[in-house]
Amino acid sequence: MPLVFALILVVVAVIVLVKLVRIVPQGYEWTVERFGKYVATLDPGLHFLIPFIYAIGRKVNMMEQVLDVASQDVITRDNAVVKVDGVVFYQVLD
């Protein structure tokens, strides 16, 4: 019986250690929530959070994003049909 208890204790300790360490990848920022309310923002790197109290809320991509706008046929003033296509580059700064 003590062996089973020790094994369960080791498994729980490993799970807590895995949930304790958070590594935020480069180009992302994560929000931290305590019981569902915003507390802080994690920058890229290694962070330690108390498991079951603090949780990761959102994972925000801070890198430049590309949005392709679908092409459309447009009629100009002189009744010429022109195909318009666009690309949008955007980035979250703050």
Protein backbone atom coordinates (compact mmCIF):
# COMPACT_ATOMS: atom_id res chain seq x y z
CA MET A 1 0.00 0.00 0.00
CA PRO A 2 2.75 2.57 0.77
CA LEU A 3 4.30 1.81 -2.64
CA VAL A 4 1.05 2.66 -4.45
CA PHE A 5 0.71 5.89 -2.44
CA ALA A 6 4.30 6.86 -3.26
CA LEU A 7 3.74 6.13 -6.96
CA ILE A 8 0.59 8.28 -7.02
CA LEU A 9 2.46 11.06 -5.22
CA VAL A 10 5.29 10.95 -7.78
CA VAL A 11 2.84 11.06 -10.70
CA VAL A 12 1.02 14.07 -9.19
CA ALA A 13 4.36 15.83 -8.56
CA VAL A 14 5.42 15.30 -12.19
CA ILE A 15 2.10 16.68 -13.46
CA VAL A 16 2.44 19.78 -11.24
CA LEU A 17 6.03 20.36 -12.42
CA VAL A 18 5.00 20.08 -16.07
CA LYS A 19 2.17 22.57 -15.56
CA LEU A 20 4.45 24.91 -13.55
CA VAL A 21 6.87 25.71 -16.38
CA ARG A 22 5.58 27.67 -19.40
CA ILE A 23 7.72 28.48 -22.42
CA VAL A 24 6.33 31.27 -24.60
CA PRO A 25 7.69 30.96 -28.17
CA GLN A 26 9.32 33.86 -30.00
CA GLY A 27 6.78 36.04 -31.81
CA TYR A 28 3.94 35.34 -29.36
CA GLU A 29 2.63 36.86 -26.14
CA TRP A 30 0.33 34.99 -23.79
CA THR A 31 -2.15 36.45 -21.34
CA VAL A 32 -2.31 35.09 -17.80
CA GLU A 33 -5.60 34.74 -15.93
CA ARG A 34 -6.17 34.14 -12.24
CA PHE A 35 -9.51 32.38 -11.79
CA GLY A 36 -10.66 33.71 -15.18
CA LYS A 37 -9.63 37.37 -14.77
CA TYR A 38 -6.72 38.97 -16.63
CA VAL A 39 -3.58 39.42 -14.49
CA ALA A 40 -0.54 39.85 -16.76
CA THR A 41 1.02 39.33 -20.18
CA LEU A 42 3.89 36.89 -20.68
CA ASP A 43 6.66 37.90 -23.10
CA PRO A 44 8.64 35.27 -25.05
CA GLY A 45 10.80 33.11 -22.80
CA LEU A 46 10.63 30.85 -19.75
CA HIS A 47 7.98 31.56 -17.09
CA PHE A 48 6.71 29.86 -13.95
CA LEU A 49 2.99 29.84 -13.09
CA ILE A 50 1.27 28.30 -10.09
CA PRO A 51 -0.83 25.47 -11.55
CA PHE A 52 -4.61 25.37 -11.05
CA ILE A 53 -4.65 29.04 -9.92
CA TYR A 54 -3.12 30.77 -12.94
CA ALA A 55 -4.05 29.78 -16.48
CA ILE A 56 -3.12 30.85 -19.98
CA GLY A 57 -5.95 32.92 -21.45
CA ARG A 58 -5.02 33.87 -25.01
CA LYS A 59 -2.03 33.20 -27.21
CA VAL A 60 -1.53 36.34 -29.31
CA ASN A 61 0.57 36.17 -32.46
CA MET A 62 2.75 39.32 -32.56
CA MET A 63 4.37 38.56 -35.92
CA GLU A 64 3.43 40.26 -39.17
CA GLN A 65 0.42 38.53 -40.74
CA VAL A 66 -0.60 38.40 -44.40
CA LEU A 67 -4.27 38.51 -45.39
CA ASP A 68 -5.08 37.84 -49.04
CA VAL A 69 -8.16 39.73 -50.25
CA ALA A 70 -10.15 37.89 -52.90
CA SER A 71 -10.11 39.37 -56.40
CA GLN A 72 -13.21 41.20 -57.61
CA ASP A 73 -14.41 42.56 -60.93
CA VAL A 74 -15.06 46.31 -60.75
CA ILE A 75 -16.68 48.55 -63.37
CA THR A 76 -15.00 51.95 -63.72
CA ARG A 77 -16.63 55.26 -64.76
CA ASP A 78 -15.84 54.64 -68.40
CA ASN A 79 -17.53 51.19 -68.21
CA ALA A 80 -14.30 49.22 -68.33
CA VAL A 81 -14.16 46.03 -66.28
CA VAL A 82 -11.09 45.87 -64.06
CA LYS A 83 -10.07 42.96 -61.85
CA VAL A 84 -8.93 44.21 -58.42
CA ASP A 85 -6.85 42.08 -56.05
CA GLY A 86 -5.31 43.02 -52.73
CA VAL A 87 -3.01 41.88 -49.97
CA VAL A 88 -3.06 43.26 -46.43
CA PHE A 89 -0.07 43.09 -44.08
CA TYR A 90 -0.87 43.67 -40.40
CA GLN A 91 0.91 43.30 -37.08
CA VAL A 92 -0.15 43.68 -33.45
CA LEU A 93 2.13 46.28 -31.87
CA ASP A 94 0.81 46.72 -28.34
